[in-house]
Amino acid sequence: MEIDTQFAVVSTKCMKLFALVQLILCEKNMQVSHLQGVVDVYKNDLPSPELIDEEFFAWKLKSQQMQERPSTCRNAIKLCAKEHFPNIYVLLKIACTLPITSCECERSFSVMRRLNNYMRASMNHYRLSSLALLHIHYDTELIEKFVCLHPRRLELKNIIYN
């Protein structure tokens, strides 16, 4: 009941996409009727929405035969053959891109507040965007890739991680 009051109607429908993840699909014994609201929302994005029932049944059979079932959309989409399950693939792709929380947006706004100081007046838009992306996604391997591309800056790696 509280989920309905906390989230919009479209958000609660979209959360049902996680039923396509093999671990949830098999443990909760999901049925294709569980996805009807989601299919209606994304009908225009699906290659052939009229075949979702058959695809879901085949996806469920494939999931039940797996030894180790993925527990995330990211891992589930890696195992989904786009040729055999085109609708399921698109729905998993949508599930992977849905923002679950607003944390990423809020983090980027707080970064922009820190960056938007005196230095902002002296840099162009491209440099500000690049600097913001570096700061927001500092936990990725972006710095490692930069160091590999520019070997003259190898000492940068030691400065950042100390």
N, C-alpha and C. Protein backbone atom coordinates (compact mmCIF):
# COMPACT_ATOMS: atom_id res chain seq x y z
N MET A 1 0.83 -1.20 0.00
CA MET A 1 0.00 0.00 0.00
C MET A 1 0.87 1.25 0.00
N GLU A 2 1.94 1.24 0.82
CA GLU A 2 2.78 2.43 0.89
C GLU A 2 3.59 2.64 -0.38
N ILE A 3 3.89 1.58 -1.10
CA ILE A 3 4.61 1.74 -2.36
C ILE A 3 3.77 2.56 -3.32
N ASP A 4 2.47 2.31 -3.35
CA ASP A 4 1.59 3.06 -4.24
C ASP A 4 1.52 4.53 -3.86
N THR A 5 1.59 4.84 -2.57
CA THR A 5 1.52 6.25 -2.17
C THR A 5 2.86 6.95 -2.33
N GLN A 6 3.98 6.23 -2.20
CA GLN A 6 5.30 6.84 -2.30
C GLN A 6 5.72 7.09 -3.75
N PHE A 7 5.34 6.21 -4.66
CA PHE A 7 5.80 6.29 -6.03
C PHE A 7 4.64 6.55 -6.98
N ALA A 8 4.97 7.10 -8.13
CA ALA A 8 3.97 7.34 -9.15
C ALA A 8 3.50 6.01 -9.74
N VAL A 9 2.38 6.04 -10.44
CA VAL A 9 1.81 4.83 -11.02
C VAL A 9 2.77 4.22 -12.04
N VAL A 10 3.38 5.07 -12.86
CA VAL A 10 4.31 4.56 -13.88
C VAL A 10 5.52 3.92 -13.21
N SER A 11 6.00 4.49 -12.12
CA SER A 11 7.16 3.93 -11.42
C SER A 11 6.87 2.55 -10.86
N THR A 12 5.69 2.36 -10.29
CA THR A 12 5.35 1.05 -9.74
C THR A 12 5.20 0.01 -10.85
N LYS A 13 4.70 0.43 -12.01
CA LYS A 13 4.61 -0.49 -13.14
C LYS A 13 6.01 -0.86 -13.63
N CYS A 14 6.89 0.12 -13.69
CA CYS A 14 8.24 -0.11 -14.20
C CYS A 14 9.06 -0.98 -13.26
N MET A 15 8.77 -0.94 -11.98
CA MET A 15 9.49 -1.79 -11.04
C MET A 15 9.23 -3.27 -11.30
N LYS A 16 8.12 -3.55 -11.96
CA LYS A 16 7.79 -4.94 -12.28
C LYS A 16 8.71 -5.52 -13.35
N LEU A 17 9.51 -4.66 -14.00
CA LEU A 17 10.49 -5.16 -14.98
C LEU A 17 11.53 -6.05 -14.32
N PHE A 18 11.77 -5.87 -13.05
CA PHE A 18 12.76 -6.67 -12.36
C PHE A 18 12.33 -8.13 -12.22
N ALA A 19 11.09 -8.41 -12.57
CA ALA A 19 10.63 -9.79 -12.58
C ALA A 19 11.28 -10.59 -13.71
N LEU A 20 11.92 -9.91 -14.65
CA LEU A 20 12.60 -10.60 -15.75
C LEU A 20 13.98 -11.11 -15.36
N VAL A 21 14.49 -10.67 -14.23
CA VAL A 21 15.78 -11.16 -13.76
C VAL A 21 15.58 -12.60 -13.31
N GLN A 22 16.47 -13.48 -13.77
CA GLN A 22 16.27 -14.92 -13.58
C GLN A 22 16.08 -15.34 -12.13
N LEU A 23 16.83 -14.77 -11.22
CA LEU A 23 16.71 -15.16 -9.81
C LEU A 23 15.32 -14.84 -9.27
N ILE A 24 14.83 -13.65 -9.56
CA ILE A 24 13.49 -13.25 -9.11
C ILE A 24 12.42 -14.04 -9.85
N LEU A 25 12.62 -14.22 -11.13
CA LEU A 25 11.65 -14.93 -11.97
C LEU A 25 11.40 -16.35 -11.45
N CYS A 26 12.45 -17.05 -11.08
CA CYS A 26 12.30 -18.44 -10.64
C CYS A 26 11.89 -18.56 -9.18
N GLU A 27 12.44 -17.71 -8.32
CA GLU A 27 12.12 -17.81 -6.89
C GLU A 27 10.69 -17.38 -6.58
N LYS A 28 10.22 -16.36 -7.26
CA LYS A 28 8.88 -15.83 -7.00
C LYS A 28 7.82 -16.44 -7.90
N ASN A 29 8.24 -17.29 -8.85
CA ASN A 29 7.33 -17.95 -9.79
C ASN A 29 6.43 -16.92 -10.50
N MET A 30 7.06 -15.97 -11.16
CA MET A 30 6.35 -14.89 -11.85
C MET A 30 5.61 -15.41 -13.07
N GLN A 31 4.52 -14.76 -13.38
CA GLN A 31 3.71 -15.09 -14.55
C GLN A 31 3.74 -13.90 -15.51
N VAL A 32 3.37 -14.16 -16.76
CA VAL A 32 3.38 -13.10 -17.77
C VAL A 32 2.35 -12.01 -17.45
N SER A 33 1.31 -12.34 -16.71
CA SER A 33 0.31 -11.33 -16.33
C SER A 33 0.91 -10.25 -15.44
N HIS A 34 2.00 -10.59 -14.77
CA HIS A 34 2.70 -9.63 -13.92
C HIS A 34 3.28 -8.48 -14.76
N LEU A 35 3.59 -8.75 -16.03
CA LEU A 35 4.22 -7.76 -16.89
C LEU A 35 3.26 -6.98 -17.78
N GLN A 36 1.99 -7.28 -17.75
CA GLN A 36 1.05 -6.66 -18.68
C GLN A 36 1.05 -5.14 -18.59
N GLY A 37 1.09 -4.58 -17.39
CA GLY A 37 1.11 -3.13 -17.24
C GLY A 37 2.35 -2.51 -17.83
N VAL A 38 3.49 -3.18 -17.66
CA VAL A 38 4.76 -2.69 -18.21
C VAL A 38 4.76 -2.77 -19.72
N VAL A 39 4.24 -3.84 -20.26
CA VAL A 39 4.17 -4.00 -21.71
C VAL A 39 3.30 -2.91 -22.31
N ASP A 40 2.22 -2.55 -21.63
CA ASP A 40 1.37 -1.48 -22.12
C ASP A 40 2.09 -0.14 -22.12
N VAL A 41 2.92 0.11 -21.10
CA VAL A 41 3.66 1.37 -21.02
C VAL A 41 4.69 1.47 -22.13
N TYR A 42 5.41 0.38 -22.39
CA TYR A 42 6.51 0.39 -23.37
C TYR A 42 6.16 -0.30 -24.68
N LYS A 43 4.89 -0.36 -25.02
CA LYS A 43 4.44 -1.05 -26.23
C LYS A 43 5.10 -0.49 -27.49
N ASN A 44 5.28 0.81 -27.56
CA ASN A 44 5.88 1.42 -28.75
C ASN A 44 7.38 1.14 -28.88
N ASP A 45 8.02 0.78 -27.78
CA ASP A 45 9.47 0.51 -27.81
C ASP A 45 9.78 -0.95 -28.14
N LEU A 46 8.81 -1.82 -28.00
CA LEU A 46 9.04 -3.25 -28.21
C LEU A 46 8.96 -3.60 -29.69
N PRO A 47 9.83 -4.49 -30.17
CA PRO A 47 9.79 -4.88 -31.58
C PRO A 47 8.51 -5.62 -31.98
N SER A 48 8.03 -6.51 -31.11
CA SER A 48 6.79 -7.23 -31.39
C SER A 48 6.08 -7.53 -30.06
N PRO A 49 5.32 -6.58 -29.54
CA PRO A 49 4.69 -6.76 -28.23
C PRO A 49 3.64 -7.87 -28.19
N GLU A 50 3.13 -8.28 -29.34
CA GLU A 50 2.12 -9.34 -29.36
C GLU A 50 2.72 -10.71 -29.05
N LEU A 51 4.04 -10.83 -29.12
CA LEU A 51 4.70 -12.10 -28.84
C LEU A 51 5.30 -12.19 -27.44
N ILE A 52 4.97 -11.25 -26.58
CA ILE A 52 5.58 -11.21 -25.25
C ILE A 52 5.22 -12.44 -24.42
N ASP A 53 4.02 -12.97 -24.59
CA ASP A 53 3.62 -14.16 -23.82
C ASP A 53 4.52 -15.36 -24.14
N GLU A 54 4.75 -15.61 -25.42
CA GLU A 54 5.58 -16.74 -25.82
C GLU A 54 7.05 -16.53 -25.40
N GLU A 55 7.52 -15.30 -25.58
CA GLU A 55 8.90 -15.00 -25.19
C GLU A 55 9.10 -15.17 -23.69
N PHE A 56 8.14 -14.70 -22.92
CA PHE A 56 8.24 -14.80 -21.47
C PHE A 56 8.28 -16.26 -21.05
N PHE A 57 7.43 -17.08 -21.66
CA PHE A 57 7.40 -18.50 -21.34
C PHE A 57 8.74 -19.16 -21.66
N ALA A 58 9.32 -18.86 -22.84
CA ALA A 58 10.61 -19.42 -23.23
C ALA A 58 11.73 -18.89 -22.32
N TRP A 59 11.65 -17.62 -21.94
CA TRP A 59 12.65 -17.02 -21.03
C TRP A 59 12.60 -17.68 -19.66
N LYS A 60 11.38 -17.99 -19.22
CA LYS A 60 11.22 -18.63 -17.91
C LYS A 60 11.78 -20.06 -17.95
N LEU A 61 11.51 -20.79 -19.04
CA LEU A 61 12.06 -22.14 -19.18
C LEU A 61 13.59 -22.12 -19.21
N LYS A 62 14.14 -21.18 -19.94
CA LYS A 62 15.60 -21.06 -19.99
C LYS A 62 16.16 -20.74 -18.60
N SER A 63 15.48 -19.89 -17.87
CA SER A 63 15.93 -19.48 -16.54
C SER A 63 15.88 -20.63 -15.55
N GLN A 64 14.87 -21.47 -15.66
CA GLN A 64 14.73 -22.60 -14.75
C GLN A 64 15.81 -23.66 -14.98
N GLN A 65 16.36 -23.71 -16.18
CA GLN A 65 17.39 -24.70 -16.50
C GLN A 65 18.78 -24.25 -16.10
N MET A 66 18.92 -23.00 -15.70
CA MET A 66 20.25 -22.47 -15.35
C MET A 66 20.69 -22.95 -13.98
N GLN A 67 22.00 -23.20 -13.87
CA GLN A 67 22.57 -23.59 -12.58
C GLN A 67 22.68 -22.37 -11.67
N GLU A 68 23.35 -21.34 -12.16
CA GLU A 68 23.51 -20.10 -11.41
C GLU A 68 22.72 -19.01 -12.12
N ARG A 69 21.74 -18.47 -11.43
CA ARG A 69 20.88 -17.45 -12.03
C ARG A 69 21.37 -16.05 -11.64
N PRO A 70 21.42 -15.15 -12.63
CA PRO A 70 21.84 -13.78 -12.31
C PRO A 70 20.82 -13.10 -11.40
N SER A 71 21.31 -12.19 -10.57
CA SER A 71 20.43 -11.49 -9.63
C SER A 71 20.27 -10.01 -9.96
N THR A 72 20.90 -9.55 -11.04
CA THR A 72 20.78 -8.15 -11.43
C THR A 72 20.38 -8.05 -12.90
N CYS A 73 19.81 -6.92 -13.26
CA CYS A 73 19.42 -6.69 -14.66
C CYS A 73 20.66 -6.67 -15.55
N ARG A 74 21.72 -6.11 -15.05
CA ARG A 74 22.97 -6.02 -15.82
C ARG A 74 23.47 -7.41 -16.20
N ASN A 75 23.44 -8.34 -15.28
CA ASN A 75 23.90 -9.69 -15.58
C ASN A 75 22.88 -10.46 -16.41
N ALA A 76 21.61 -10.17 -16.20
CA ALA A 76 20.56 -10.86 -16.95
C ALA A 76 20.60 -10.48 -18.43
N ILE A 77 20.87 -9.22 -18.72
CA ILE A 77 20.88 -8.79 -20.12
C ILE A 77 22.06 -9.39 -20.87
N LYS A 78 23.14 -9.71 -20.16
CA LYS A 78 24.29 -10.35 -20.80
C LYS A 78 23.94 -11.76 -21.29
N LEU A 79 23.01 -12.41 -20.60
CA LEU A 79 22.62 -13.77 -20.97
C LEU A 79 21.42 -13.82 -21.92
N CYS A 80 20.85 -12.67 -22.20
CA CYS A 80 19.67 -12.61 -23.05
C CYS A 80 20.09 -12.44 -24.51
N ALA A 81 19.78 -13.42 -25.34
CA ALA A 81 20.10 -13.35 -26.77
C ALA A 81 19.09 -12.44 -27.45
N LYS A 82 19.58 -11.37 -28.04
CA LYS A 82 18.71 -10.39 -28.69
C LYS A 82 17.92 -11.00 -29.84
N GLU A 83 18.50 -12.00 -30.49
CA GLU A 83 17.82 -12.64 -31.63
C GLU A 83 16.68 -13.53 -31.18
N HIS A 84 16.83 -14.20 -30.05
CA HIS A 84 15.81 -15.14 -29.57
C HIS A 84 14.75 -14.47 -28.70
N PHE A 85 15.15 -13.45 -27.95
CA PHE A 85 14.24 -12.77 -27.03
C PHE A 85 14.28 -11.25 -27.27
N PRO A 86 13.81 -10.78 -28.42
CA PRO A 86 13.94 -9.34 -28.70
C PRO A 86 13.14 -8.46 -27.73
N ASN A 87 11.93 -8.87 -27.36
CA ASN A 87 11.12 -8.07 -26.43
C ASN A 87 11.71 -8.09 -25.02
N ILE A 88 12.13 -9.27 -24.57
CA ILE A 88 12.73 -9.39 -23.24
C ILE A 88 14.01 -8.57 -23.18
N TYR A 89 14.79 -8.60 -24.27
CA TYR A 89 16.04 -7.84 -24.31
C TYR A 89 15.77 -6.35 -24.16
N VAL A 90 14.77 -5.85 -24.88
CA VAL A 90 14.44 -4.42 -24.79
C VAL A 90 13.93 -4.08 -23.40
N LEU A 91 13.11 -4.92 -22.82
CA LEU A 91 12.59 -4.65 -21.47
C LEU A 91 13.72 -4.68 -20.43
N LEU A 92 14.66 -5.59 -20.57
CA LEU A 92 15.80 -5.62 -19.65
C LEU A 92 16.69 -4.40 -19.85
N LYS A 93 16.82 -3.96 -21.08
CA LYS A 93 17.60 -2.76 -21.37
C LYS A 93 16.95 -1.54 -20.71
N ILE A 94 15.64 -1.47 -20.78
CA ILE A 94 14.91 -0.38 -20.12
C ILE A 94 15.10 -0.47 -18.61
N ALA A 95 15.02 -1.68 -18.07
CA ALA A 95 15.20 -1.86 -16.62
C ALA A 95 16.60 -1.44 -16.18
N CYS A 96 17.59 -1.68 -17.02
CA CYS A 96 18.97 -1.28 -16.68
C CYS A 96 19.14 0.23 -16.68
N THR A 97 18.37 0.92 -17.45
CA THR A 97 18.54 2.37 -17.56
C THR A 97 17.59 3.17 -16.68
N LEU A 98 16.66 2.50 -16.02
CA LEU A 98 15.73 3.23 -15.16
C LEU A 98 16.46 3.79 -13.94
N PRO A 99 16.25 5.06 -13.64
CA PRO A 99 16.86 5.59 -12.41
C PRO A 99 16.07 5.11 -11.20
N ILE A 100 16.72 4.40 -10.34
CA ILE A 100 16.05 3.86 -9.16
C ILE A 100 15.93 4.93 -8.09
N THR A 101 16.97 5.71 -7.94
CA THR A 101 16.94 6.82 -6.97
C THR A 101 17.41 8.08 -7.67
N SER A 102 17.33 9.17 -6.97
CA SER A 102 17.81 10.44 -7.52
C SER A 102 19.20 10.76 -7.01
N CYS A 103 19.88 9.79 -6.41
CA CYS A 103 21.20 10.03 -5.82
C CYS A 103 22.21 10.51 -6.85
N GLU A 104 22.21 9.91 -8.03
CA GLU A 104 23.19 10.30 -9.05
C GLU A 104 22.99 11.76 -9.46
N CYS A 105 21.73 12.16 -9.63
CA CYS A 105 21.46 13.55 -10.00
C CYS A 105 21.86 14.50 -8.88
N GLU A 106 21.51 14.14 -7.66
CA GLU A 106 21.86 15.00 -6.54
C GLU A 106 23.37 15.10 -6.36
N ARG A 107 24.07 14.01 -6.61
CA ARG A 107 25.52 14.03 -6.50
C ARG A 107 26.13 14.95 -7.55
N SER A 108 25.58 14.91 -8.76
CA SER A 108 26.11 15.78 -9.81
C SER A 108 25.82 17.25 -9.50
N PHE A 109 24.68 17.56 -8.90
CA PHE A 109 24.39 18.94 -8.53
C PHE A 109 25.34 19.44 -7.45
N SER A 110 25.63 18.59 -6.48
CA SER A 110 26.55 19.02 -5.42
C SER A 110 27.97 19.20 -5.97
N VAL A 111 28.34 18.39 -6.95
CA VAL A 111 29.65 18.56 -7.58
C VAL A 111 29.69 19.90 -8.32
N MET A 112 28.63 20.22 -9.02
CA MET A 112 28.61 21.49 -9.76
C MET A 112 28.70 22.69 -8.81
N ARG A 113 28.13 22.58 -7.64
CA ARG A 113 28.25 23.67 -6.67
C ARG A 113 29.70 23.87 -6.26
N ARG A 114 30.41 22.76 -6.06
CA ARG A 114 31.82 22.87 -5.68
C ARG A 114 32.68 23.38 -6.83
N LEU A 115 32.34 22.98 -8.04
CA LEU A 115 33.14 23.40 -9.20
C LEU A 115 32.82 24.82 -9.66
N ASN A 116 31.63 25.27 -9.38
CA ASN A 116 31.18 26.57 -9.87
C ASN A 116 31.69 27.68 -8.95
N ASN A 117 32.94 27.94 -9.01
CA ASN A 117 33.55 28.98 -8.18
C ASN A 117 34.32 29.93 -9.09
N TYR A 118 35.35 30.51 -8.57
CA TYR A 118 36.15 31.46 -9.35
C TYR A 118 36.73 30.81 -10.61
N MET A 119 37.12 29.56 -10.51
CA MET A 119 37.71 28.88 -11.66
C MET A 119 36.72 28.74 -12.82
N ARG A 120 35.45 28.70 -12.51
CA ARG A 120 34.41 28.54 -13.54
C ARG A 120 34.46 29.68 -14.54
N ALA A 121 34.77 30.88 -14.08
CA ALA A 121 34.79 32.03 -14.97
C ALA A 121 35.91 31.93 -16.00
N SER A 122 36.93 31.17 -15.70
CA SER A 122 38.08 31.11 -16.60
C SER A 122 38.10 29.86 -17.48
N MET A 123 37.12 28.99 -17.39
CA MET A 123 37.13 27.78 -18.22
C MET A 123 35.89 27.73 -19.12
N ASN A 124 36.05 27.07 -20.26
CA ASN A 124 34.92 26.97 -21.18
C ASN A 124 33.97 25.84 -20.76
N HIS A 125 32.87 25.74 -21.47
CA HIS A 125 31.82 24.76 -21.13
C HIS A 125 32.33 23.33 -21.27
N TYR A 126 33.10 23.06 -22.32
CA TYR A 126 33.61 21.71 -22.55
C TYR A 126 34.51 21.26 -21.40
N ARG A 127 35.38 22.13 -20.94
CA ARG A 127 36.29 21.77 -19.86
C ARG A 127 35.52 21.58 -18.55
N LEU A 128 34.52 22.44 -18.29
CA LEU A 128 33.72 22.28 -17.08
C LEU A 128 32.98 20.95 -17.08
N SER A 129 32.40 20.59 -18.22
CA SER A 129 31.67 19.32 -18.32
C SER A 129 32.61 18.14 -18.10
N SER A 130 33.79 18.21 -18.69
CA SER A 130 34.76 17.12 -18.53
C SER A 130 35.24 17.01 -17.09
N LEU A 131 35.50 18.15 -16.48
CA LEU A 131 35.94 18.15 -15.09
C LEU A 131 34.85 17.62 -14.17
N ALA A 132 33.60 17.99 -14.43
CA ALA A 132 32.49 17.49 -13.63
C ALA A 132 32.33 15.98 -13.78
N LEU A 133 32.45 15.47 -14.99
CA LEU A 133 32.34 14.02 -15.21
C LEU A 133 33.46 13.26 -14.50
N LEU A 134 34.67 13.81 -14.56
CA LEU A 134 35.77 13.18 -13.85
C LEU A 134 35.52 13.13 -12.35
N HIS A 135 34.98 14.22 -11.81
CA HIS A 135 34.74 14.28 -10.38
C HIS A 135 33.57 13.40 -9.95
N ILE A 136 32.52 13.36 -10.75
CA ILE A 136 31.34 12.57 -10.41
C ILE A 136 31.66 11.08 -10.48
N HIS A 137 32.40 10.67 -11.50
CA HIS A 137 32.69 9.25 -11.71
C HIS A 137 34.12 8.91 -11.32
N TYR A 138 34.56 9.42 -10.21
CA TYR A 138 35.94 9.21 -9.78
C TYR A 138 36.21 7.76 -9.40
N ASP A 139 35.19 6.99 -9.08
CA ASP A 139 35.40 5.61 -8.65
C ASP A 139 35.60 4.64 -9.82
N THR A 140 35.40 5.11 -11.04
CA THR A 140 35.59 4.23 -12.19
C THR A 140 37.05 4.17 -12.58
N GLU A 141 37.33 3.45 -13.61
CA GLU A 141 38.70 3.26 -14.06
C GLU A 141 39.13 4.34 -15.03
N LEU A 142 38.46 5.47 -15.02
CA LEU A 142 38.75 6.56 -15.94
C LEU A 142 40.17 7.08 -15.76
N ILE A 143 40.60 7.22 -14.53
CA ILE A 143 41.94 7.73 -14.26
C ILE A 143 42.99 6.74 -14.74
N GLU A 144 42.72 5.45 -14.53
CA GLU A 144 43.65 4.42 -15.00
C GLU A 144 43.80 4.48 -16.52
N LYS A 145 42.70 4.68 -17.23
CA LYS A 145 42.76 4.75 -18.68
C LYS A 145 43.53 5.99 -19.13
N PHE A 146 43.32 7.10 -18.45
CA PHE A 146 44.03 8.33 -18.78
C PHE A 146 45.53 8.15 -18.59
N VAL A 147 45.90 7.53 -17.50
CA VAL A 147 47.32 7.31 -17.22
C VAL A 147 47.93 6.41 -18.28
N CYS A 148 47.21 5.40 -18.73
CA CYS A 148 47.73 4.50 -19.76
C CYS A 148 47.87 5.21 -21.11
N LEU A 149 46.94 6.12 -21.41
CA LEU A 149 47.00 6.85 -22.67
C LEU A 149 48.11 7.90 -22.69
N HIS A 150 48.42 8.45 -21.53
CA HIS A 150 49.42 9.52 -21.43
C HIS A 150 50.51 9.08 -20.46
N PRO A 151 51.47 8.29 -20.91
CA PRO A 151 52.48 7.73 -20.01
C PRO A 151 53.37 8.78 -19.35
N ARG A 152 53.45 9.98 -19.91
CA ARG A 152 54.27 11.01 -19.29
C ARG A 152 53.69 11.48 -17.97
N ARG A 153 52.46 11.11 -17.69
CA ARG A 153 51.81 11.55 -16.47
C ARG A 153 51.64 10.40 -15.47
N LEU A 154 52.53 9.48 -15.47
CA LEU A 154 52.43 8.32 -14.58
C LEU A 154 52.47 8.72 -13.11
N GLU A 155 53.16 9.79 -12.79
CA GLU A 155 53.22 10.21 -11.39
C GLU A 155 51.87 10.71 -10.89
N LEU A 156 50.94 11.03 -11.80
CA LEU A 156 49.60 11.46 -11.42
C LEU A 156 48.88 10.36 -10.65
N LYS A 157 49.09 9.13 -11.04
CA LYS A 157 48.44 7.99 -10.38
C LYS A 157 48.80 7.94 -8.90
N ASN A 158 50.06 8.14 -8.56
CA ASN A 158 50.49 8.09 -7.17
C ASN A 158 49.95 9.24 -6.36
N ILE A 159 49.83 10.40 -6.95
CA ILE A 159 49.33 11.58 -6.24
C ILE A 159 47.86 11.39 -5.89
N ILE A 160 47.08 10.86 -6.83
CA ILE A 160 45.63 10.72 -6.62
C ILE A 160 45.32 9.68 -5.58
N TYR A 161 46.00 8.56 -5.59
CA TYR A 161 45.65 7.46 -4.69
C TYR A 161 46.30 7.55 -3.33
N ASN A 162 47.14 8.51 -3.08
CA ASN A 162 47.77 8.65 -1.75
C ASN A 162 46.94 9.52 -0.86
